[in-house]
Amino acid sequence: MNRGIGKAAYKPVGVVMGIAAGAVAGAIFRQVWKVAAGDGEAPSATDENRRWAEILAAAALHGAIFAVVRAAVDRGGALGVRRLTGRWPD
């Protein structure tokens, strides 16, 4: 199987898995925020009643969780494509 087929097979898988990763990361973040902050809802950047430190901490935590989930999903998707096509998607 040529190299282009593996890459083409990964594109739609990557899009779907990226959407799923965002949903999973958001759910994980909400649960972690409840435990870490003892607050039911993470602060919005435009919430004038929240401190800078709280807003930036929430953004950093959200970004870190999203990056880890996205990397795990991307890696898993690439492994799946290799199993199906015999080629690693580039």
C-alpha atoms as a PDB file:
ATOM      1  CA  MET A   1       0.000   0.000   0.000  1.00  0.00           C
ATOM      2  CA  ASN A   2       1.486   3.341  -0.910  1.00  0.00           C
ATOM      3  CA  ARG A   3       2.277   6.157   1.465  1.00  0.00           C
ATOM      4  CA  GLY A   4      -0.551   8.431   0.282  1.00  0.00           C
ATOM      5  CA  ILE A   5      -3.249   5.924   1.200  1.00  0.00           C
ATOM      6  CA  GLY A   6      -2.121   5.768   4.832  1.00  0.00           C
ATOM      7  CA  LYS A   7      -2.099   9.551   5.053  1.00  0.00           C
ATOM      8  CA  ALA A   8      -5.469   9.841   3.310  1.00  0.00           C
ATOM      9  CA  ALA A   9      -6.960   7.195   5.600  1.00  0.00           C
ATOM     10  CA  TYR A  10      -5.772   9.100   8.673  1.00  0.00           C
ATOM     11  CA  LYS A  11      -7.259  12.492   7.730  1.00  0.00           C
ATOM     12  CA  PRO A  12     -10.949  11.689   8.356  1.00  0.00           C
ATOM     13  CA  VAL A  13     -10.031   9.568  11.370  1.00  0.00           C
ATOM     14  CA  GLY A  14      -7.977  12.455  12.740  1.00  0.00           C
ATOM     15  CA  VAL A  15     -10.821  14.948  12.348  1.00  0.00           C
ATOM     16  CA  VAL A  16     -13.362  12.744  14.101  1.00  0.00           C
ATOM     17  CA  MET A  17     -10.923  11.816  16.830  1.00  0.00           C
ATOM     18  CA  GLY A  18      -9.982  15.475  17.319  1.00  0.00           C
ATOM     19  CA  ILE A  19     -13.601  16.367  17.969  1.00  0.00           C
ATOM     20  CA  ALA A  20     -13.907  13.465  20.386  1.00  0.00           C
ATOM     21  CA  ALA A  21     -10.676  14.508  22.111  1.00  0.00           C
ATOM     22  CA  GLY A  22     -12.065  17.991  22.704  1.00  0.00           C
ATOM     23  CA  ALA A  23     -15.228  16.605  24.266  1.00  0.00           C
ATOM     24  CA  VAL A  24     -13.316  14.159  26.460  1.00  0.00           C
ATOM     25  CA  ALA A  25     -10.800  16.809  27.528  1.00  0.00           C
ATOM     26  CA  GLY A  26     -13.614  19.204  28.454  1.00  0.00           C
ATOM     27  CA  ALA A  27     -15.332  16.561  30.577  1.00  0.00           C
ATOM     28  CA  ILE A  28     -12.084  15.652  32.334  1.00  0.00           C
ATOM     29  CA  PHE A  29     -11.309  19.322  32.961  1.00  0.00           C
ATOM     30  CA  ARG A  30     -14.714  19.973  34.522  1.00  0.00           C
ATOM     31  CA  GLN A  31     -14.275  17.040  36.901  1.00  0.00           C
ATOM     32  CA  VAL A  32     -10.706  18.011  37.828  1.00  0.00           C
ATOM     33  CA  TRP A  33     -11.745  21.635  38.368  1.00  0.00           C
ATOM     34  CA  LYS A  34     -14.544  20.580  40.736  1.00  0.00           C
ATOM     35  CA  VAL A  35     -12.057  18.629  42.839  1.00  0.00           C
ATOM     36  CA  ALA A  36      -9.172  21.105  42.655  1.00  0.00           C
ATOM     37  CA  ALA A  37     -11.099  24.324  43.206  1.00  0.00           C
ATOM     38  CA  GLY A  38     -14.141  23.029  45.063  1.00  0.00           C
ATOM     39  CA  ASP A  39     -16.172  25.069  42.599  1.00  0.00           C
ATOM     40  CA  GLY A  40     -18.741  23.700  40.200  1.00  0.00           C
ATOM     41  CA  GLU A  41     -17.781  25.890  37.281  1.00  0.00           C
ATOM     42  CA  ALA A  42     -14.426  27.050  35.962  1.00  0.00           C
ATOM     43  CA  PRO A  43     -14.006  30.809  35.659  1.00  0.00           C
ATOM     44  CA  SER A  44     -14.506  32.592  32.384  1.00  0.00           C
ATOM     45  CA  ALA A  45     -11.802  35.030  31.321  1.00  0.00           C
ATOM     46  CA  THR A  46     -14.393  37.817  31.300  1.00  0.00           C
ATOM     47  CA  ASP A  47     -15.838  37.085  34.747  1.00  0.00           C
ATOM     48  CA  GLU A  48     -15.075  40.275  36.666  1.00  0.00           C
ATOM     49  CA  ASN A  49     -15.689  38.559  40.021  1.00  0.00           C
ATOM     50  CA  ARG A  50     -12.777  36.127  39.575  1.00  0.00           C
ATOM     51  CA  ARG A  51      -9.116  36.884  40.278  1.00  0.00           C
ATOM     52  CA  TRP A  52      -6.411  36.779  37.609  1.00  0.00           C
ATOM     53  CA  ALA A  53      -4.666  33.902  39.348  1.00  0.00           C
ATOM     54  CA  GLU A  54      -7.810  31.760  39.316  1.00  0.00           C
ATOM     55  CA  ILE A  55      -8.556  32.491  35.656  1.00  0.00           C
ATOM     56  CA  LEU A  56      -4.982  31.801  34.533  1.00  0.00           C
ATOM     57  CA  ALA A  57      -4.753  28.627  36.619  1.00  0.00           C
ATOM     58  CA  ALA A  58      -7.971  27.331  35.073  1.00  0.00           C
ATOM     59  CA  ALA A  59      -6.729  28.159  31.566  1.00  0.00           C
ATOM     60  CA  ALA A  60      -3.376  26.448  32.165  1.00  0.00           C
ATOM     61  CA  LEU A  61      -5.033  23.331  33.592  1.00  0.00           C
ATOM     62  CA  HIS A  62      -7.518  23.199  30.729  1.00  0.00           C
ATOM     63  CA  GLY A  63      -4.733  23.569  28.155  1.00  0.00           C
ATOM     64  CA  ALA A  64      -2.597  20.873  29.759  1.00  0.00           C
ATOM     65  CA  ILE A  65      -5.466  18.395  29.938  1.00  0.00           C
ATOM     66  CA  PHE A  66      -6.454  19.113  26.335  1.00  0.00           C
ATOM     67  CA  ALA A  67      -2.873  18.674  25.096  1.00  0.00           C
ATOM     68  CA  VAL A  68      -2.429  15.330  26.864  1.00  0.00           C
ATOM     69  CA  VAL A  69      -5.787  13.966  25.686  1.00  0.00           C
ATOM     70  CA  ARG A  70      -5.204  15.180  22.131  1.00  0.00           C
ATOM     71  CA  ALA A  71      -1.724  13.617  21.996  1.00  0.00           C
ATOM     72  CA  ALA A  72      -3.072  10.296  23.294  1.00  0.00           C
ATOM     73  CA  VAL A  73      -5.941  10.326  20.788  1.00  0.00           C
ATOM     74  CA  ASP A  74      -3.688  11.299  17.871  1.00  0.00           C
ATOM     75  CA  ARG A  75      -1.208   8.571  18.744  1.00  0.00           C
ATOM     76  CA  GLY A  76      -3.959   5.997  19.099  1.00  0.00           C
ATOM     77  CA  GLY A  77      -5.457   7.041  15.770  1.00  0.00           C
ATOM     78  CA  ALA A  78      -2.097   6.744  14.021  1.00  0.00           C
ATOM     79  CA  LEU A  79      -1.603   3.277  15.492  1.00  0.00           C
ATOM     80  CA  GLY A  80      -5.066   2.275  14.300  1.00  0.00           C
ATOM     81  CA  VAL A  81      -4.366   3.495  10.771  1.00  0.00           C
ATOM     82  CA  ARG A  82      -1.080   1.593  10.731  1.00  0.00           C
ATOM     83  CA  ARG A  83      -2.878  -1.568  11.783  1.00  0.00           C
ATOM     84  CA  LEU A  84      -5.469  -1.111   9.023  1.00  0.00           C
ATOM     85  CA  THR A  85      -3.184   0.044   6.213  1.00  0.00           C
ATOM     86  CA  GLY A  86       0.245  -1.239   7.197  1.00  0.00           C
ATOM     87  CA  ARG A  87       1.647   2.309   6.964  1.00  0.00           C
ATOM     88  CA  TRP A  88       2.261   5.023   9.531  1.00  0.00           C
ATOM     89  CA  PRO A  89       0.407   8.236   8.598  1.00  0.00           C
ATOM     90  CA  ASP A  90       2.831  11.122   8.058  1.00  0.00           C
END
